[in-house]
C-alpha atoms as a PDB file:
ATOM      1  CA  MET A   1      -5.478  -7.124 -18.390  1.00  0.00           C
ATOM      2  CA  SER A   2      -8.412  -8.902 -19.763  1.00  0.00           C
ATOM      3  CA  ASP A   3      -5.819 -12.379 -19.281  1.00  0.00           C
ATOM      4  CA  VAL A   4      -5.237 -11.341 -15.982  1.00  0.00           C
ATOM      5  CA  THR A   5      -8.904 -11.478 -15.117  1.00  0.00           C
ATOM      6  CA  HIS A   6      -9.332 -14.782 -17.017  1.00  0.00           C
ATOM      7  CA  ILE A   7      -6.441 -16.334 -14.778  1.00  0.00           C
ATOM      8  CA  LEU A   8      -7.885 -14.773 -11.717  1.00  0.00           C
ATOM      9  CA  ASN A   9     -11.226 -16.711 -12.450  1.00  0.00           C
ATOM     10  CA  ALA A  10      -9.260 -19.759 -13.163  1.00  0.00           C
ATOM     11  CA  ILE A  11      -7.223 -19.366  -9.654  1.00  0.00           C
ATOM     12  CA  GLU A  12     -10.803 -18.820  -7.992  1.00  0.00           C
ATOM     13  CA  ARG A  13     -12.377 -22.238  -9.212  1.00  0.00           C
ATOM     14  CA  ARG A  14      -9.048 -23.685  -8.360  1.00  0.00           C
ATOM     15  CA  GLU A  15      -7.950 -24.919 -11.851  1.00  0.00           C
ATOM     16  CA  ASN A  16      -4.907 -26.766 -11.688  1.00  0.00           C
ATOM     17  CA  GLY A  17      -1.736 -24.612 -13.022  1.00  0.00           C
ATOM     18  CA  ALA A  18      -3.776 -21.406 -13.116  1.00  0.00           C
ATOM     19  CA  THR A  19      -1.612 -19.946 -10.205  1.00  0.00           C
ATOM     20  CA  GLU A  20       1.621 -20.395 -12.059  1.00  0.00           C
ATOM     21  CA  LYS A  21       0.125 -18.446 -15.402  1.00  0.00           C
ATOM     22  CA  LEU A  22      -0.582 -15.524 -13.291  1.00  0.00           C
ATOM     23  CA  LEU A  23       3.101 -14.852 -12.245  1.00  0.00           C
ATOM     24  CA  PRO A  24       4.341 -14.109 -15.734  1.00  0.00           C
ATOM     25  CA  LEU A  25       1.648 -11.805 -16.584  1.00  0.00           C
ATOM     26  CA  VAL A  26       1.643  -9.290 -13.493  1.00  0.00           C
ATOM     27  CA  TYR A  27       5.212  -9.975 -12.449  1.00  0.00           C
ATOM     28  CA  GLU A  28       6.662  -6.780 -14.452  1.00  0.00           C
ATOM     29  CA  GLU A  29       3.997  -4.616 -13.092  1.00  0.00           C
ATOM     30  CA  LEU A  30       4.475  -5.775  -9.562  1.00  0.00           C
ATOM     31  CA  ARG A  31       7.942  -5.703 -10.022  1.00  0.00           C
ATOM     32  CA  ARG A  32       7.677  -2.051 -10.955  1.00  0.00           C
ATOM     33  CA  LEU A  33       5.218  -0.927  -8.522  1.00  0.00           C
ATOM     34  CA  ALA A  34       7.731  -2.606  -5.589  1.00  0.00           C
ATOM     35  CA  THR A  35      10.803  -0.958  -6.917  1.00  0.00           C
ATOM     36  CA  GLN A  36       9.034   2.700  -7.325  1.00  0.00           C
ATOM     37  CA  ARG A  37       7.992   2.184  -3.554  1.00  0.00           C
ATOM     38  CA  MET A  38      11.105   0.536  -2.030  1.00  0.00           C
ATOM     39  CA  SER A  39      12.939   3.624  -3.829  1.00  0.00           C
ATOM     40  CA  GLN A  40      11.133   5.700  -1.488  1.00  0.00           C
ATOM     41  CA  GLU A  41      12.144   3.881   1.835  1.00  0.00           C
ATOM     42  CA  PRO A  42      15.131   4.889   4.018  1.00  0.00           C
ATOM     43  CA  SER A  43      18.478   3.859   2.850  1.00  0.00           C
ATOM     44  CA  GLY A  44      19.734   1.305   4.503  1.00  0.00           C
ATOM     45  CA  GLN A  45      16.571  -0.623   3.806  1.00  0.00           C
ATOM     46  CA  THR A  46      16.897  -4.602   4.303  1.00  0.00           C
ATOM     47  CA  LEU A  47      13.963  -5.475   2.338  1.00  0.00           C
ATOM     48  CA  GLN A  48      14.480  -5.478  -1.413  1.00  0.00           C
ATOM     49  CA  ALA A  49      11.708  -4.993  -4.423  1.00  0.00           C
ATOM     50  CA  THR A  50      12.201  -8.447  -5.268  1.00  0.00           C
ATOM     51  CA  ALA A  51      11.860  -9.730  -1.966  1.00  0.00           C
ATOM     52  CA  LEU A  52       8.754  -7.641  -1.668  1.00  0.00           C
ATOM     53  CA  VAL A  53       6.882  -8.616  -4.964  1.00  0.00           C
ATOM     54  CA  HIS A  54       7.627 -12.184  -4.203  1.00  0.00           C
ATOM     55  CA  GLU A  55       6.396 -12.122  -0.625  1.00  0.00           C
ATOM     56  CA  ALA A  56       3.145 -10.080  -1.724  1.00  0.00           C
ATOM     57  CA  TYR A  57       2.340 -12.607  -4.302  1.00  0.00           C
ATOM     58  CA  LEU A  58       2.942 -15.436  -2.200  1.00  0.00           C
ATOM     59  CA  ARG A  59       0.324 -14.219   0.137  1.00  0.00           C
ATOM     60  CA  LEU A  60      -1.942 -13.234  -2.645  1.00  0.00           C
ATOM     61  CA  VAL A  61      -2.136 -16.962  -4.135  1.00  0.00           C
ATOM     62  CA  GLU A  62      -2.202 -18.728  -0.729  1.00  0.00           C
ATOM     63  CA  ALA A  63      -5.051 -16.759   0.672  1.00  0.00           C
ATOM     64  CA  LYS A  64      -8.295 -18.590   1.165  1.00  0.00           C
ATOM     65  CA  ASP A  65     -10.150 -15.964   0.118  1.00  0.00           C
ATOM     66  CA  GLN A  66      -9.191 -15.211  -3.499  1.00  0.00           C
ATOM     67  CA  ASN A  67     -12.478 -13.753  -4.674  1.00  0.00           C
ATOM     68  CA  TRP A  68     -10.850 -11.439  -7.224  1.00  0.00           C
ATOM     69  CA  ASN A  69     -13.461 -10.248 -10.302  1.00  0.00           C
ATOM     70  CA  SER A  70     -10.904  -8.106 -12.216  1.00  0.00           C
ATOM     71  CA  SER A  71      -7.292  -6.747 -12.505  1.00  0.00           C
ATOM     72  CA  GLY A  72      -8.187  -4.056 -10.643  1.00  0.00           C
ATOM     73  CA  HIS A  73      -9.016  -5.788  -7.721  1.00  0.00           C
ATOM     74  CA  PHE A  74      -6.105  -7.648  -7.879  1.00  0.00           C
ATOM     75  CA  PHE A  75      -3.889  -4.819  -8.198  1.00  0.00           C
ATOM     76  CA  LYS A  76      -5.771  -3.362  -4.798  1.00  0.00           C
ATOM     77  CA  ALA A  77      -4.962  -7.088  -3.127  1.00  0.00           C
ATOM     78  CA  ALA A  78      -1.497  -6.543  -4.038  1.00  0.00           C
ATOM     79  CA  ALA A  79      -1.227  -3.082  -2.261  1.00  0.00           C
ATOM     80  CA  GLU A  80      -2.664  -4.295   0.189  1.00  0.00           C
ATOM     81  CA  ALA A  81      -0.230  -7.110   0.529  1.00  0.00           C
ATOM     82  CA  MET A  82       2.457  -4.787  -0.107  1.00  0.00           C
ATOM     83  CA  ARG A  83       1.292  -2.043   2.892  1.00  0.00           C
ATOM     84  CA  ARG A  84       1.053  -5.289   5.575  1.00  0.00           C
ATOM     85  CA  ILE A  85       4.509  -6.568   4.838  1.00  0.00           C
ATOM     86  CA  LEU A  86       6.109  -2.872   4.851  1.00  0.00           C
ATOM     87  CA  VAL A  87       4.049  -2.405   8.336  1.00  0.00           C
ATOM     88  CA  GLU A  88       5.285  -6.045   9.537  1.00  0.00           C
ATOM     89  CA  ASN A  89       8.710  -5.129   8.729  1.00  0.00           C
ATOM     90  CA  ALA A  90       8.842  -1.330  10.104  1.00  0.00           C
ATOM     91  CA  ARG A  91       7.143  -3.373  13.289  1.00  0.00           C
ATOM     92  CA  ARG A  92      10.094  -5.883  13.329  1.00  0.00           C
ATOM     93  CA  LYS A  93      12.894  -2.604  13.328  1.00  0.00           C
ATOM     94  CA  ARG A  94      10.988  -1.204  16.132  1.00  0.00           C
ATOM     95  CA  SER A  95      10.849  -4.029  18.212  1.00  0.00           C
ATOM     96  CA  LEU A  96      14.691  -4.027  17.500  1.00  0.00           C
ATOM     97  CA  LYS A  97      15.061  -0.642  18.584  1.00  0.00           C
ATOM     98  CA  ARG A  98      12.721  -0.462  21.923  1.00  0.00           C
ATOM     99  CA  GLY A  99      12.662   3.081  23.460  1.00  0.00           C
ATOM    100  CA  ARG A 100      14.226   5.321  20.407  1.00  0.00           C
ATOM    101  CA  GLY A 101      12.305   8.751  20.853  1.00  0.00           C
ATOM    102  CA  ARG A 102       9.813   9.693  18.582  1.00  0.00           C
ATOM    103  CA  GLN A 103      10.552  12.437  15.706  1.00  0.00           C
ATOM    104  CA  ARG A 104       8.974  15.524  14.718  1.00  0.00           C
ATOM    105  CA  VAL A 105       7.112  15.455  11.139  1.00  0.00           C
ATOM    106  CA  GLU A 106       6.486  18.523   9.465  1.00  0.00           C
ATOM    107  CA  LEU A 107       3.290  17.818   7.228  1.00  0.00           C
ATOM    108  CA  ASP A 108       3.235  20.688   4.799  1.00  0.00           C
ATOM    109  CA  GLU A 109      -0.141  21.582   3.524  1.00  0.00           C
ATOM    110  CA  SER A 110       0.686  21.926   0.095  1.00  0.00           C
ATOM    111  CA  THR A 111       1.909  18.566  -0.669  1.00  0.00           C
ATOM    112  CA  PHE A 112       0.221  15.148   0.045  1.00  0.00           C
ATOM    113  CA  LEU A 113       0.983  13.197   3.141  1.00  0.00           C
ATOM    114  CA  THR A 114       4.017  10.801   2.132  1.00  0.00           C
ATOM    115  CA  VAL A 115       4.861   7.743   3.296  1.00  0.00           C
ATOM    116  CA  GLU A 116       8.509   8.580   3.186  1.00  0.00           C
ATOM    117  CA  GLU A 117       8.356  11.255   6.043  1.00  0.00           C
ATOM    118  CA  PHE A 118       7.950   8.452   8.280  1.00  0.00           C
ATOM    119  CA  CYS A 119      10.813   6.399  10.134  1.00  0.00           C
ATOM    120  CA  PRO A 120       9.362   2.870  10.715  1.00  0.00           C
ATOM    121  CA  ASP A 121       7.629   3.940  14.488  1.00  0.00           C
ATOM    122  CA  ASP A 122       5.666   6.804  12.427  1.00  0.00           C
ATOM    123  CA  LEU A 123       4.815   4.317   9.587  1.00  0.00           C
ATOM    124  CA  LEU A 124       3.053   2.340  12.633  1.00  0.00           C
ATOM    125  CA  THR A 125       1.379   5.411  13.815  1.00  0.00           C
ATOM    126  CA  LEU A 126       0.712   6.110   9.980  1.00  0.00           C
ATOM    127  CA  ASN A 127      -0.566   2.355   9.641  1.00  0.00           C
ATOM    128  CA  ASP A 128      -2.751   2.570  12.583  1.00  0.00           C
ATOM    129  CA  ALA A 129      -4.358   6.131  11.602  1.00  0.00           C
ATOM    130  CA  LEU A 130      -5.233   4.535   8.036  1.00  0.00           C
ATOM    131  CA  ASP A 131      -6.704   1.688   9.614  1.00  0.00           C
ATOM    132  CA  ARG A 132      -9.147   4.221  11.466  1.00  0.00           C
ATOM    133  CA  LEU A 133      -9.712   5.737   8.093  1.00  0.00           C
ATOM    134  CA  LEU A 134     -10.499   2.762   6.551  1.00  0.00           C
ATOM    135  CA  ASN A 135     -13.247   2.138   9.067  1.00  0.00           C
ATOM    136  CA  GLU A 136     -14.604   5.802   8.261  1.00  0.00           C
ATOM    137  CA  ASP A 137     -14.164   5.903   4.405  1.00  0.00           C
ATOM    138  CA  PRO A 138     -13.000   2.805   2.836  1.00  0.00           C
ATOM    139  CA  ALA A 139     -12.840   4.291  -0.425  1.00  0.00           C
ATOM    140  CA  VAL A 140     -10.646   6.760   0.588  1.00  0.00           C
ATOM    141  CA  ALA A 141      -8.097   4.281   2.344  1.00  0.00           C
ATOM    142  CA  ASP A 142      -8.054   2.192  -0.769  1.00  0.00           C
ATOM    143  CA  LEU A 143      -7.066   4.918  -2.854  1.00  0.00           C
ATOM    144  CA  VAL A 144      -4.138   6.230   0.030  1.00  0.00           C
ATOM    145  CA  LYS A 145      -2.958   2.383  -0.103  1.00  0.00           C
ATOM    146  CA  LEU A 146      -2.634   2.340  -3.882  1.00  0.00           C
ATOM    147  CA  HIS A 147      -0.894   5.611  -4.371  1.00  0.00           C
ATOM    148  CA  TYR A 148       1.367   5.499  -1.233  1.00  0.00           C
ATOM    149  CA  PHE A 149       1.862   1.797  -0.178  1.00  0.00           C
ATOM    150  CA  ALA A 150       1.752   0.320  -4.188  1.00  0.00           C
ATOM    151  CA  GLY A 151       3.504   3.437  -5.862  1.00  0.00           C
ATOM    152  CA  LEU A 152       0.870   3.840  -8.219  1.00  0.00           C
ATOM    153  CA  THR A 153       0.233   7.337 -10.081  1.00  0.00           C
ATOM    154  CA  LEU A 154      -2.758   9.349  -9.618  1.00  0.00           C
ATOM    155  CA  GLU A 155      -3.357   8.394 -12.961  1.00  0.00           C
ATOM    156  CA  GLU A 156      -3.165   4.718 -12.586  1.00  0.00           C
ATOM    157  CA  VAL A 157      -5.022   5.057  -9.493  1.00  0.00           C
ATOM    158  CA  ALA A 158      -7.680   6.669 -11.051  1.00  0.00           C
ATOM    159  CA  VAL A 159      -8.070   3.509 -13.789  1.00  0.00           C
ATOM    160  CA  ILE A 160      -8.089   1.017 -10.995  1.00  0.00           C
ATOM    161  CA  GLN A 161     -10.787   2.727  -8.922  1.00  0.00           C
ATOM    162  CA  GLY A 162     -13.061   3.972 -12.313  1.00  0.00           C
ATOM    163  CA  ILE A 163     -13.155   7.699 -11.191  1.00  0.00           C
ATOM    164  CA  SER A 164     -11.298  10.793 -12.566  1.00  0.00           C
ATOM    165  CA  ARG A 165      -7.913  11.756 -11.800  1.00  0.00           C
ATOM    166  CA  ARG A 166      -9.286  14.955 -10.018  1.00  0.00           C
ATOM    167  CA  THR A 167     -11.417  12.899  -7.707  1.00  0.00           C
ATOM    168  CA  VAL A 168      -8.518  11.151  -6.859  1.00  0.00           C
ATOM    169  CA  VAL A 169      -6.425  14.041  -5.848  1.00  0.00           C
ATOM    170  CA  LYS A 170      -9.495  15.386  -3.903  1.00  0.00           C
ATOM    171  CA  HIS A 171      -9.896  12.400  -2.386  1.00  0.00           C
ATOM    172  CA  LEU A 172      -6.178  12.079  -1.387  1.00  0.00           C
ATOM    173  CA  THR A 173      -6.320  16.214  -0.285  1.00  0.00           C
ATOM    174  CA  TYR A 174      -9.090  15.060   2.060  1.00  0.00           C
ATOM    175  CA  ALA A 175      -7.164  11.681   3.339  1.00  0.00           C
ATOM    176  CA  ARG A 176      -4.141  14.051   4.030  1.00  0.00           C
ATOM    177  CA  ALA A 177      -5.712  16.434   6.294  1.00  0.00           C
ATOM    178  CA  TRP A 178      -7.878  13.490   7.729  1.00  0.00           C
ATOM    179  CA  LEU A 179      -4.629  11.651   8.677  1.00  0.00           C
ATOM    180  CA  HIS A 180      -2.844  14.853   9.798  1.00  0.00           C
ATOM    181  CA  ARG A 181      -5.445  15.381  12.279  1.00  0.00           C
ATOM    182  CA  GLU A 182      -5.248  11.733  13.568  1.00  0.00           C
ATOM    183  CA  ILE A 183      -1.816  12.149  13.831  1.00  0.00           C
ATOM    184  CA  ALA A 184      -1.631  15.462  15.475  1.00  0.00           C
ATOM    185  CA  LYS A 185      -3.825  14.061  18.098  1.00  0.00           C
ATOM    186  CA  GLY A 186      -0.782  13.066  20.018  1.00  0.00           C
ATOM    187  CA  GLU A 187      -0.755   9.318  18.730  1.00  0.00           C
ATOM    188  CA  GLY A 188       1.857   9.689  16.603  1.00  0.00           C
ATOM    189  CA  PRO A 189       4.689  12.386  15.625  1.00  0.00           C
ATOM    190  CA  VAL A 190       4.003  15.965  16.859  1.00  0.00           C
ATOM    191  CA  ALA A 191       2.711  17.771  13.990  1.00  0.00           C
ATOM    192  CA  GLN A 192       4.663  21.362  13.698  1.00  0.00           C
END
């Protein structure tokens, strides 16, 4: 991963050829994360893991403000890019299916809130609630994005964030409750 950090620094300095060196180093990891994430999407999904990786990578290297200071920071940016792509895809689907009624979603207190529980319309509701959480507690919102949208394990999230697995679990439990409360306010699916 130190190679990744060096290449990220070279990209930031706008060195020729640095961008081309990054993809081979991070592609397999991004592909693994995207495959894991896409396996949780409903069947009939038109977006494939490879397309998700390529779109996220393009957004990352074409971004004007590439100020990555570590591979962990890069993967956080990748998680955010994947989240935005999935939300944009959900918005496109919703625009094609206007008038569809909302579905009830049971939020089990014994498990984490999962993105898979949401249809495309509900994913947008979750995204809106996550944006509100981002304003209130950015660090916890980052954990949600890394775990649910990028598909990182709790251990991987802990390493990237530099915190213990136990702290990750504690923050995700808080996030689940916070998002449940926001969604239950009537802005999204009705919690039972």
